[in-house]
Amino acid sequence: MKATSLRRSRQNWAECREALRHLRLRGLVEPYVDDQLAGTRRAHFVAHLARCWTCSEQAETLHLIKQSLRTGLQRGPVQLAEVRLRRFADRLTAPPTTARSDGPRP
């Protein structure tokens, strides 16, 4: 009985230690994306990213946001946007189609 209790305590301690490590490393997402981490600190964080979906998703999202802000948004040709807006406006202003009176509408 004591062996299972000891195993459970060790498992709980390992989970708590990993949670604390995650909280500490989570604060390094922005410095990592900004390329401000070096040496062993960077290596530990990269290893954490390989295991942690939350931090890797956060790092990727932040990277994409910062990249888009640096390069500006890539937009489609103006003519295409105009055509789409005009079609949409035409659909909004078009008279409603008459429904057939064969039966109830779904």
PDB file of N, CA and C in Angstrom:
ATOM      1  N   MET A   1       0.806  -1.180   0.000  1.00  0.00           N
ATOM      2  CA  MET A   1       0.000   0.000   0.000  1.00  0.00           C
ATOM      3  C   MET A   1       0.860   1.259   0.000  1.00  0.00           C
ATOM      4  N   LYS A   2       1.977   1.221   0.730  1.00  0.00           N
ATOM      5  CA  LYS A   2       2.841   2.373   0.787  1.00  0.00           C
ATOM      6  C   LYS A   2       3.547   2.594  -0.550  1.00  0.00           C
ATOM      7  N   ALA A   3       3.814   1.538  -1.282  1.00  0.00           N
ATOM      8  CA  ALA A   3       4.510   1.660  -2.565  1.00  0.00           C
ATOM      9  C   ALA A   3       3.662   2.432  -3.567  1.00  0.00           C
ATOM     10  N   THR A   4       2.365   2.156  -3.620  1.00  0.00           N
ATOM     11  CA  THR A   4       1.507   2.887  -4.555  1.00  0.00           C
ATOM     12  C   THR A   4       1.352   4.340  -4.114  1.00  0.00           C
ATOM     13  N   SER A   5       1.300   4.575  -2.817  1.00  0.00           N
ATOM     14  CA  SER A   5       1.197   5.940  -2.304  1.00  0.00           C
ATOM     15  C   SER A   5       2.465   6.728  -2.633  1.00  0.00           C
ATOM     16  N   LEU A   6       3.602   6.087  -2.503  1.00  0.00           N
ATOM     17  CA  LEU A   6       4.877   6.729  -2.821  1.00  0.00           C
ATOM     18  C   LEU A   6       4.977   7.020  -4.314  1.00  0.00           C
ATOM     19  N   ARG A   7       4.536   6.063  -5.126  1.00  0.00           N
ATOM     20  CA  ARG A   7       4.533   6.268  -6.582  1.00  0.00           C
ATOM     21  C   ARG A   7       3.630   7.436  -6.969  1.00  0.00           C
ATOM     22  N   ARG A   8       2.459   7.503  -6.341  1.00  0.00           N
ATOM     23  CA  ARG A   8       1.516   8.578  -6.627  1.00  0.00           C
ATOM     24  C   ARG A   8       2.099   9.930  -6.205  1.00  0.00           C
ATOM     25  N   SER A   9       2.764   9.978  -5.068  1.00  0.00           N
ATOM     26  CA  SER A   9       3.389  11.218  -4.604  1.00  0.00           C
ATOM     27  C   SER A   9       4.474  11.669  -5.572  1.00  0.00           C
ATOM     28  N   ARG A  10       5.289  10.729  -6.035  1.00  0.00           N
ATOM     29  CA  ARG A  10       6.337  11.073  -7.005  1.00  0.00           C
ATOM     30  C   ARG A  10       5.741  11.569  -8.314  1.00  0.00           C
ATOM     31  N   GLN A  11       4.652  10.942  -8.738  1.00  0.00           N
ATOM     32  CA  GLN A  11       4.002  11.365  -9.975  1.00  0.00           C
ATOM     33  C   GLN A  11       3.418  12.765  -9.809  1.00  0.00           C
ATOM     34  N   ASN A  12       2.767  13.020  -8.668  1.00  0.00           N
ATOM     35  CA  ASN A  12       2.219  14.359  -8.412  1.00  0.00           C
ATOM     36  C   ASN A  12       3.318  15.403  -8.371  1.00  0.00           C
ATOM     37  N   TRP A  13       4.445  15.066  -7.727  1.00  0.00           N
ATOM     38  CA  TRP A  13       5.565  15.994  -7.650  1.00  0.00           C
ATOM     39  C   TRP A  13       6.124  16.275  -9.048  1.00  0.00           C
ATOM     40  N   ALA A  14       6.226  15.252  -9.874  1.00  0.00           N
ATOM     41  CA  ALA A  14       6.731  15.441 -11.234  1.00  0.00           C
ATOM     42  C   ALA A  14       5.790  16.323 -12.045  1.00  0.00           C
ATOM     43  N   GLU A  15       4.490  16.128 -11.887  1.00  0.00           N
ATOM     44  CA  GLU A  15       3.512  16.954 -12.600  1.00  0.00           C
ATOM     45  C   GLU A  15       3.584  18.405 -12.139  1.00  0.00           C
ATOM     46  N   CYS A  16       3.715  18.627 -10.831  1.00  0.00           N
ATOM     47  CA  CYS A  16       3.822  19.993 -10.311  1.00  0.00           C
ATOM     48  C   CYS A  16       5.106  20.657 -10.800  1.00  0.00           C
ATOM     49  N   ARG A  17       6.190  19.915 -10.783  1.00  0.00           N
ATOM     50  CA  ARG A  17       7.474  20.449 -11.245  1.00  0.00           C
ATOM     51  C   ARG A  17       7.387  20.835 -12.721  1.00  0.00           C
ATOM     52  N   GLU A  18       6.727  19.999 -13.528  1.00  0.00           N
ATOM     53  CA  GLU A  18       6.563  20.291 -14.952  1.00  0.00           C
ATOM     54  C   GLU A  18       5.658  21.503 -15.156  1.00  0.00           C
ATOM     55  N   ALA A  19       4.604  21.633 -14.347  1.00  0.00           N
ATOM     56  CA  ALA A  19       3.710  22.787 -14.455  1.00  0.00           C
ATOM     57  C   ALA A  19       4.449  24.078 -14.111  1.00  0.00           C
ATOM     58  N   LEU A  20       5.262  24.058 -13.061  1.00  0.00           N
ATOM     59  CA  LEU A  20       6.044  25.240 -12.696  1.00  0.00           C
ATOM     60  C   LEU A  20       7.065  25.577 -13.775  1.00  0.00           C
ATOM     61  N   ARG A  21       7.674  24.566 -14.328  1.00  0.00           N
ATOM     62  CA  ARG A  21       8.641  24.777 -15.411  1.00  0.00           C
ATOM     63  C   ARG A  21       7.936  25.405 -16.620  1.00  0.00           C
ATOM     64  N   HIS A  22       6.743  24.922 -16.915  1.00  0.00           N
ATOM     65  CA  HIS A  22       5.969  25.464 -18.033  1.00  0.00           C
ATOM     66  C   HIS A  22       5.655  26.943 -17.799  1.00  0.00           C
ATOM     67  N   LEU A  23       5.228  27.289 -16.594  1.00  0.00           N
ATOM     68  CA  LEU A  23       4.910  28.685 -16.295  1.00  0.00           C
ATOM     69  C   LEU A  23       6.135  29.579 -16.460  1.00  0.00           C
ATOM     70  N   ARG A  24       7.276  29.089 -16.022  1.00  0.00           N
ATOM     71  CA  ARG A  24       8.510  29.864 -16.152  1.00  0.00           C
ATOM     72  C   ARG A  24       8.893  30.027 -17.613  1.00  0.00           C
ATOM     73  N   LEU A  25       8.773  28.950 -18.390  1.00  0.00           N
ATOM     74  CA  LEU A  25       9.165  29.004 -19.793  1.00  0.00           C
ATOM     75  C   LEU A  25       8.159  29.754 -20.650  1.00  0.00           C
ATOM     76  N   ARG A  26       6.905  29.783 -20.235  1.00  0.00           N
ATOM     77  CA  ARG A  26       5.873  30.469 -21.012  1.00  0.00           C
ATOM     78  C   ARG A  26       6.185  31.958 -21.161  1.00  0.00           C
ATOM     79  N   GLY A  27       6.868  32.519 -20.196  1.00  0.00           N
ATOM     80  CA  GLY A  27       7.260  33.916 -20.265  1.00  0.00           C
ATOM     81  C   GLY A  27       8.358  34.192 -21.276  1.00  0.00           C
ATOM     82  N   LEU A  28       8.942  33.147 -21.841  1.00  0.00           N
ATOM     83  CA  LEU A  28      10.024  33.318 -22.812  1.00  0.00           C
ATOM     84  C   LEU A  28       9.543  33.283 -24.258  1.00  0.00           C
ATOM     85  N   VAL A  29       8.246  33.171 -24.471  1.00  0.00           N
ATOM     86  CA  VAL A  29       7.726  33.078 -25.841  1.00  0.00           C
ATOM     87  C   VAL A  29       8.090  34.326 -26.639  1.00  0.00           C
ATOM     88  N   GLU A  30       7.801  35.495 -26.102  1.00  0.00           N
ATOM     89  CA  GLU A  30       8.069  36.730 -26.850  1.00  0.00           C
ATOM     90  C   GLU A  30       9.559  36.967 -27.066  1.00  0.00           C
ATOM     91  N   PRO A  31      10.411  36.811 -26.046  1.00  0.00           N
ATOM     92  CA  PRO A  31      11.848  36.964 -26.318  1.00  0.00           C
ATOM     93  C   PRO A  31      12.359  35.951 -27.352  1.00  0.00           C
ATOM     94  N   TYR A  32      11.794  34.746 -27.357  1.00  0.00           N
ATOM     95  CA  TYR A  32      12.199  33.750 -28.349  1.00  0.00           C
ATOM     96  C   TYR A  32      11.824  34.203 -29.757  1.00  0.00           C
ATOM     97  N   VAL A  33      10.586  34.682 -29.923  1.00  0.00           N
ATOM     98  CA  VAL A  33      10.122  35.132 -31.236  1.00  0.00           C
ATOM     99  C   VAL A  33      10.942  36.328 -31.708  1.00  0.00           C
ATOM    100  N   ASP A  34      11.341  37.191 -30.772  1.00  0.00           N
ATOM    101  CA  ASP A  34      12.141  38.374 -31.116  1.00  0.00           C
ATOM    102  C   ASP A  34      13.622  38.053 -31.245  1.00  0.00           C
ATOM    103  N   ASP A  35      13.987  36.772 -31.136  1.00  0.00           N
ATOM    104  CA  ASP A  35      15.372  36.300 -31.264  1.00  0.00           C
ATOM    105  C   ASP A  35      16.279  36.926 -30.202  1.00  0.00           C
ATOM    106  N   GLN A  36      15.776  37.005 -28.986  1.00  0.00           N
ATOM    107  CA  GLN A  36      16.536  37.581 -27.889  1.00  0.00           C
ATOM    108  C   GLN A  36      17.065  36.522 -26.926  1.00  0.00           C
ATOM    109  N   LEU A  37      16.808  35.252 -27.194  1.00  0.00           N
ATOM    110  CA  LEU A  37      17.328  34.183 -26.346  1.00  0.00           C
ATOM    111  C   LEU A  37      18.586  33.596 -26.982  1.00  0.00           C
ATOM    112  N   ALA A  38      19.534  33.251 -26.154  1.00  0.00           N
ATOM    113  CA  ALA A  38      20.773  32.663 -26.680  1.00  0.00           C
ATOM    114  C   ALA A  38      21.241  31.542 -25.758  1.00  0.00           C
ATOM    115  N   GLY A  39      22.110  30.720 -26.284  1.00  0.00           N
ATOM    116  CA  GLY A  39      22.766  29.687 -25.491  1.00  0.00           C
ATOM    117  C   GLY A  39      21.835  28.615 -24.971  1.00  0.00           C
ATOM    118  N   THR A  40      22.114  28.212 -23.726  1.00  0.00           N
ATOM    119  CA  THR A  40      21.345  27.109 -23.133  1.00  0.00           C
ATOM    120  C   THR A  40      19.899  27.503 -22.870  1.00  0.00           C
ATOM    121  N   ARG A  41      19.680  28.780 -22.601  1.00  0.00           N
ATOM    122  CA  ARG A  41      18.304  29.225 -22.367  1.00  0.00           C
ATOM    123  C   ARG A  41      17.452  29.002 -23.611  1.00  0.00           C
ATOM    124  N   ARG A  42      18.005  29.333 -24.764  1.00  0.00           N
ATOM    125  CA  ARG A  42      17.308  29.112 -26.035  1.00  0.00           C
ATOM    126  C   ARG A  42      17.114  27.620 -26.280  1.00  0.00           C
ATOM    127  N   ALA A  43      18.143  26.828 -26.015  1.00  0.00           N
ATOM    128  CA  ALA A  43      18.057  25.380 -26.235  1.00  0.00           C
ATOM    129  C   ALA A  43      16.979  24.755 -25.356  1.00  0.00           C
ATOM    130  N   HIS A  44      16.906  25.168 -24.094  1.00  0.00           N
ATOM    131  CA  HIS A  44      15.870  24.640 -23.198  1.00  0.00           C
ATOM    132  C   HIS A  44      14.480  25.036 -23.681  1.00  0.00           C
ATOM    133  N   PHE A  45      14.350  26.272 -24.157  1.00  0.00           N
ATOM    134  CA  PHE A  45      13.044  26.720 -24.621  1.00  0.00           C
ATOM    135  C   PHE A  45      12.632  26.000 -25.899  1.00  0.00           C
ATOM    136  N   VAL A  46      13.575  25.772 -26.807  1.00  0.00           N
ATOM    137  CA  VAL A  46      13.260  25.048 -28.048  1.00  0.00           C
ATOM    138  C   VAL A  46      12.820  23.625 -27.715  1.00  0.00           C
ATOM    139  N   ALA A  47      13.478  23.002 -26.748  1.00  0.00           N
ATOM    140  CA  ALA A  47      13.067  21.657 -26.320  1.00  0.00           C
ATOM    141  C   ALA A  47      11.660  21.694 -25.727  1.00  0.00           C
ATOM    142  N   HIS A  48      11.355  22.739 -24.976  1.00  0.00           N
ATOM    143  CA  HIS A  48      10.014  22.880 -24.411  1.00  0.00           C
ATOM    144  C   HIS A  48       8.974  23.065 -25.528  1.00  0.00           C
ATOM    145  N   LEU A  49       9.306  23.849 -26.541  1.00  0.00           N
ATOM    146  CA  LEU A  49       8.378  24.051 -27.664  1.00  0.00           C
ATOM    147  C   LEU A  49       8.064  22.744 -28.378  1.00  0.00           C
ATOM    148  N   ALA A  50       9.037  21.855 -28.435  1.00  0.00           N
ATOM    149  CA  ALA A  50       8.823  20.569 -29.102  1.00  0.00           C
ATOM    150  C   ALA A  50       7.804  19.709 -28.359  1.00  0.00           C
ATOM    151  N   ARG A  51       7.649  19.935 -27.048  1.00  0.00           N
ATOM    152  CA  ARG A  51       6.730  19.135 -26.246  1.00  0.00           C
ATOM    153  C   ARG A  51       5.423  19.833 -25.920  1.00  0.00           C
ATOM    154  N   CYS A  52       5.417  21.165 -25.936  1.00  0.00           N
ATOM    155  CA  CYS A  52       4.265  21.916 -25.439  1.00  0.00           C
ATOM    156  C   CYS A  52       3.480  22.544 -26.592  1.00  0.00           C
ATOM    157  N   TRP A  53       2.266  22.059 -26.784  1.00  0.00           N
ATOM    158  CA  TRP A  53       1.411  22.573 -27.854  1.00  0.00           C
ATOM    159  C   TRP A  53       1.015  24.024 -27.583  1.00  0.00           C
ATOM    160  N   THR A  54       0.742  24.350 -26.356  1.00  0.00           N
ATOM    161  CA  THR A  54       0.287  25.690 -26.003  1.00  0.00           C
ATOM    162  C   THR A  54       1.343  26.739 -26.332  1.00  0.00           C
ATOM    163  N   CYS A  55       2.561  26.510 -25.862  1.00  0.00           N
ATOM    164  CA  CYS A  55       3.632  27.482 -26.101  1.00  0.00           C
ATOM    165  C   CYS A  55       4.025  27.528 -27.577  1.00  0.00           C
ATOM    166  N   SER A  56       4.046  26.372 -28.244  1.00  0.00           N
ATOM    167  CA  SER A  56       4.425  26.382 -29.661  1.00  0.00           C
ATOM    168  C   SER A  56       3.364  27.097 -30.499  1.00  0.00           C
ATOM    169  N   GLU A  57       2.089  26.929 -30.154  1.00  0.00           N
ATOM    170  CA  GLU A  57       1.027  27.633 -30.860  1.00  0.00           C
ATOM    171  C   GLU A  57       1.126  29.138 -30.611  1.00  0.00           C
ATOM    172  N   GLN A  58       1.397  29.497 -29.363  1.00  0.00           N
ATOM    173  CA  GLN A  58       1.531  30.906 -29.014  1.00  0.00           C
ATOM    174  C   GLN A  58       2.724  31.538 -29.737  1.00  0.00           C
ATOM    175  N   ALA A  59       3.843  30.814 -29.801  1.00  0.00           N
ATOM    176  CA  ALA A  59       5.033  31.326 -30.487  1.00  0.00           C
ATOM    177  C   ALA A  59       4.770  31.484 -31.979  1.00  0.00           C
ATOM    178  N   GLU A  60       4.118  30.509 -32.576  1.00  0.00           N
ATOM    179  CA  GLU A  60       3.824  30.582 -34.014  1.00  0.00           C
ATOM    180  C   GLU A  60       2.869  31.728 -34.327  1.00  0.00           C
ATOM    181  N   THR A  61       1.843  31.891 -33.513  1.00  0.00           N
ATOM    182  CA  THR A  61       0.883  32.978 -33.717  1.00  0.00           C
ATOM    183  C   THR A  61       1.561  34.338 -33.582  1.00  0.00           C
ATOM    184  N   LEU A  62       2.368  34.485 -32.545  1.00  0.00           N
ATOM    185  CA  LEU A  62       3.073  35.745 -32.332  1.00  0.00           C
ATOM    186  C   LEU A  62       4.046  36.024 -33.475  1.00  0.00           C
ATOM    187  N   HIS A  63       4.716  34.985 -33.935  1.00  0.00           N
ATOM    188  CA  HIS A  63       5.640  35.132 -35.069  1.00  0.00           C
ATOM    189  C   HIS A  63       4.895  35.606 -36.315  1.00  0.00           C
ATOM    190  N   LEU A  64       3.759  35.003 -36.611  1.00  0.00           N
ATOM    191  CA  LEU A  64       2.981  35.393 -37.787  1.00  0.00           C
ATOM    192  C   LEU A  64       2.454  36.823 -37.679  1.00  0.00           C
ATOM    193  N   ILE A  65       2.009  37.201 -36.495  1.00  0.00           N
ATOM    194  CA  ILE A  65       1.514  38.563 -36.295  1.00  0.00           C
ATOM    195  C   ILE A  65       2.632  39.577 -36.509  1.00  0.00           C
ATOM    196  N   LYS A  66       3.775  39.323 -35.892  1.00  0.00           N
ATOM    197  CA  LYS A  66       4.891  40.259 -36.031  1.00  0.00           C
ATOM    198  C   LYS A  66       5.408  40.311 -37.460  1.00  0.00           C
ATOM    199  N   GLN A  67       5.430  39.167 -38.125  1.00  0.00           N
ATOM    200  CA  GLN A  67       5.869  39.131 -39.524  1.00  0.00           C
ATOM    201  C   GLN A  67       4.913  39.930 -40.409  1.00  0.00           C
ATOM    202  N   SER A  68       3.622  39.778 -40.188  1.00  0.00           N
ATOM    203  CA  SER A  68       2.658  40.512 -41.017  1.00  0.00           C
ATOM    204  C   SER A  68       2.728  42.009 -40.747  1.00  0.00           C
ATOM    205  N   LEU A  69       3.008  42.389 -39.503  1.00  0.00           N
ATOM    206  CA  LEU A  69       3.148  43.811 -39.202  1.00  0.00           C
ATOM    207  C   LEU A  69       4.402  44.399 -39.852  1.00  0.00           C
ATOM    208  N   ARG A  70       5.470  43.600 -39.909  1.00  0.00           N
ATOM    209  CA  ARG A  70       6.707  44.077 -40.540  1.00  0.00           C
ATOM    210  C   ARG A  70       6.566  44.216 -42.048  1.00  0.00           C
ATOM    211  N   THR A  71       5.941  43.247 -42.678  1.00  0.00           N
ATOM    212  CA  THR A  71       5.880  43.233 -44.136  1.00  0.00           C
ATOM    213  C   THR A  71       4.633  43.897 -44.687  1.00  0.00           C
ATOM    214  N   GLY A  72       3.667  44.159 -43.856  1.00  0.00           N
ATOM    215  CA  GLY A  72       2.405  44.711 -44.338  1.00  0.00           C
ATOM    216  C   GLY A  72       1.537  43.580 -44.855  1.00  0.00           C
ATOM    217  N   LEU A  73       0.266  43.811 -44.850  1.00  0.00           N
ATOM    218  CA  LEU A  73      -0.653  42.774 -45.307  1.00  0.00           C
ATOM    219  C   LEU A  73      -0.589  42.643 -46.822  1.00  0.00           C
ATOM    220  N   GLN A  74      -0.604  41.431 -47.298  1.00  0.00           N
ATOM    221  CA  GLN A  74      -0.625  41.171 -48.726  1.00  0.00           C
ATOM    222  C   GLN A  74      -2.072  41.218 -49.178  1.00  0.00           C
ATOM    223  N   ARG A  75      -2.381  42.136 -50.025  1.00  0.00           N
ATOM    224  CA  ARG A  75      -3.761  42.297 -50.470  1.00  0.00           C
ATOM    225  C   ARG A  75      -3.890  41.870 -51.924  1.00  0.00           C
ATOM    226  N   GLY A  76      -5.102  41.496 -52.284  1.00  0.00           N
ATOM    227  CA  GLY A  76      -5.395  41.123 -53.660  1.00  0.00           C
ATOM    228  C   GLY A  76      -5.459  42.362 -54.538  1.00  0.00           C
ATOM    229  N   PRO A  77      -5.527  42.164 -55.832  1.00  0.00           N
ATOM    230  CA  PRO A  77      -5.623  43.302 -56.741  1.00  0.00           C
ATOM    231  C   PRO A  77      -6.881  44.125 -56.453  1.00  0.00           C
ATOM    232  N   VAL A  78      -6.766  45.412 -56.649  1.00  0.00           N
ATOM    233  CA  VAL A  78      -7.886  46.307 -56.376  1.00  0.00           C
ATOM    234  C   VAL A  78      -9.073  45.963 -57.261  1.00  0.00           C
ATOM    235  N   GLN A  79      -8.815  45.604 -58.504  1.00  0.00           N
ATOM    236  CA  GLN A  79      -9.908  45.315 -59.423  1.00  0.00           C
ATOM    237  C   GLN A  79     -10.744  44.141 -58.920  1.00  0.00           C
ATOM    238  N   LEU A  80     -10.095  43.122 -58.405  1.00  0.00           N
ATOM    239  CA  LEU A  80     -10.817  41.956 -57.907  1.00  0.00           C
ATOM    240  C   LEU A  80     -11.690  42.345 -56.713  1.00  0.00           C
ATOM    241  N   ALA A  81     -11.166  43.144 -55.832  1.00  0.00           N
ATOM    242  CA  ALA A  81     -11.932  43.590 -54.670  1.00  0.00           C
ATOM    243  C   ALA A  81     -13.146  44.403 -55.118  1.00  0.00           C
ATOM    244  N   GLU A  82     -12.937  45.261 -56.106  1.00  0.00           N
ATOM    245  CA  GLU A  82     -14.055  46.067 -56.611  1.00  0.00           C
ATOM    246  C   GLU A  82     -15.150  45.184 -57.199  1.00  0.00           C
ATOM    247  N   VAL A  83     -14.751  44.202 -57.986  1.00  0.00           N
ATOM    248  CA  VAL A  83     -15.718  43.302 -58.610  1.00  0.00           C
ATOM    249  C   VAL A  83     -16.521  42.575 -57.538  1.00  0.00           C
ATOM    250  N   ARG A  84     -15.848  42.080 -56.519  1.00  0.00           N
ATOM    251  CA  ARG A  84     -16.540  41.352 -55.453  1.00  0.00           C
ATOM    252  C   ARG A  84     -17.506  42.264 -54.700  1.00  0.00           C
ATOM    253  N   LEU A  85     -17.075  43.475 -54.407  1.00  0.00           N
ATOM    254  CA  LEU A  85     -17.961  44.414 -53.707  1.00  0.00           C
ATOM    255  C   LEU A  85     -19.180  44.770 -54.547  1.00  0.00           C
ATOM    256  N   ARG A  86     -18.968  44.977 -55.834  1.00  0.00           N
ATOM    257  CA  ARG A  86     -20.095  45.317 -56.705  1.00  0.00           C
ATOM    258  C   ARG A  86     -21.093  44.160 -56.791  1.00  0.00           C
ATOM    259  N   ARG A  87     -20.582  42.927 -56.909  1.00  0.00           N
ATOM    260  CA  ARG A  87     -21.477  41.759 -56.958  1.00  0.00           C
ATOM    261  C   ARG A  87     -22.291  41.656 -55.673  1.00  0.00           C
ATOM    262  N   PHE A  88     -21.607  41.860 -54.556  1.00  0.00           N
ATOM    263  CA  PHE A  88     -22.286  41.782 -53.262  1.00  0.00           C
ATOM    264  C   PHE A  88     -23.357  42.869 -53.163  1.00  0.00           C
ATOM    265  N   ALA A  89     -23.023  44.091 -53.576  1.00  0.00           N
ATOM    266  CA  ALA A  89     -23.988  45.191 -53.540  1.00  0.00           C
ATOM    267  C   ALA A  89     -25.170  44.899 -54.461  1.00  0.00           C
ATOM    268  N   ASP A  90     -24.883  44.327 -55.628  1.00  0.00           N
ATOM    269  CA  ASP A  90     -25.967  43.982 -56.552  1.00  0.00           C
ATOM    270  C   ASP A  90     -26.906  42.949 -55.932  1.00  0.00           C
ATOM    271  N   ARG A  91     -26.336  41.959 -55.252  1.00  0.00           N
ATOM    272  CA  ARG A  91     -27.174  40.938 -54.615  1.00  0.00           C
ATOM    273  C   ARG A  91     -28.030  41.536 -53.508  1.00  0.00           C
ATOM    274  N   LEU A  92     -27.458  42.502 -52.781  1.00  0.00           N
ATOM    275  CA  LEU A  92     -28.228  43.126 -51.700  1.00  0.00           C
ATOM    276  C   LEU A  92     -29.378  43.975 -52.230  1.00  0.00           C
ATOM    277  N   THR A  93     -29.162  44.624 -53.367  1.00  0.00           N
ATOM    278  CA  THR A  93     -30.188  45.529 -53.899  1.00  0.00           C
ATOM    279  C   THR A  93     -31.126  44.856 -54.892  1.00  0.00           C
ATOM    280  N   ALA A  94     -30.845  43.617 -55.249  1.00  0.00           N
ATOM    281  CA  ALA A  94     -31.697  42.913 -56.212  1.00  0.00           C
ATOM    282  C   ALA A  94     -33.064  42.648 -55.589  1.00  0.00           C
ATOM    283  N   PRO A  95     -34.113  42.703 -56.409  1.00  0.00           N
ATOM    284  CA  PRO A  95     -35.446  42.410 -55.877  1.00  0.00           C
ATOM    285  C   PRO A  95     -35.524  40.946 -55.454  1.00  0.00           C
ATOM    286  N   PRO A  96     -36.308  40.667 -54.439  1.00  0.00           N
ATOM    287  CA  PRO A  96     -36.426  39.271 -53.984  1.00  0.00           C
ATOM    288  C   PRO A  96     -37.043  38.411 -55.071  1.00  0.00           C
ATOM    289  N   THR A  97     -36.592  37.191 -55.139  1.00  0.00           N
ATOM    290  CA  THR A  97     -37.154  36.259 -56.122  1.00  0.00           C
ATOM    291  C   THR A  97     -38.504  35.791 -55.630  1.00  0.00           C
ATOM    292  N   THR A  98     -39.402  35.574 -56.564  1.00  0.00           N
ATOM    293  CA  THR A  98     -40.741  35.114 -56.176  1.00  0.00           C
ATOM    294  C   THR A  98     -40.702  33.622 -55.927  1.00  0.00           C
ATOM    295  N   ALA A  99     -41.279  33.229 -54.824  1.00  0.00           N
ATOM    296  CA  ALA A  99     -41.295  31.809 -54.475  1.00  0.00           C
ATOM    297  C   ALA A  99     -42.487  31.147 -55.144  1.00  0.00           C
ATOM    298  N   ARG A 100     -42.285  29.896 -55.530  1.00  0.00           N
ATOM    299  CA  ARG A 100     -43.414  29.162 -56.101  1.00  0.00           C
ATOM    300  C   ARG A 100     -44.386  28.811 -55.009  1.00  0.00           C
ATOM    301  N   SER A 101     -45.641  28.766 -55.348  1.00  0.00           N
ATOM    302  CA  SER A 101     -46.657  28.456 -54.334  1.00  0.00           C
ATOM    303  C   SER A 101     -47.076  27.001 -54.407  1.00  0.00           C
ATOM    304  N   ASP A 102     -46.145  26.099 -54.741  1.00  0.00           N
ATOM    305  CA  ASP A 102     -46.466  24.681 -54.820  1.00  0.00           C
ATOM    306  C   ASP A 102     -46.727  24.085 -53.445  1.00  0.00           C
ATOM    307  N   GLY A 103     -46.126  24.630 -52.443  1.00  0.00           N
ATOM    308  CA  GLY A 103     -46.281  24.078 -51.110  1.00  0.00           C
ATOM    309  C   GLY A 103     -45.488  24.914 -50.128  1.00  0.00           C
ATOM    310  N   PRO A 104     -45.406  24.422 -48.931  1.00  0.00           N
ATOM    311  CA  PRO A 104     -44.690  25.189 -47.910  1.00  0.00           C
ATOM    312  C   PRO A 104     -43.188  25.209 -48.201  1.00  0.00           C
ATOM    313  N   ARG A 105     -42.581  26.335 -47.846  1.00  0.00           N
ATOM    314  CA  ARG A 105     -41.126  26.474 -48.024  1.00  0.00           C
ATOM    315  C   ARG A 105     -40.415  25.817 -46.856  1.00  0.00           C
ATOM    316  N   PRO A 106     -39.303  25.178 -47.119  1.00  0.00           N
ATOM    317  CA  PRO A 106     -38.583  24.523 -46.021  1.00  0.00           C
ATOM    318  C   PRO A 106     -37.950  25.515 -45.092  1.00  0.00           C
TER     319      PRO A 106
END
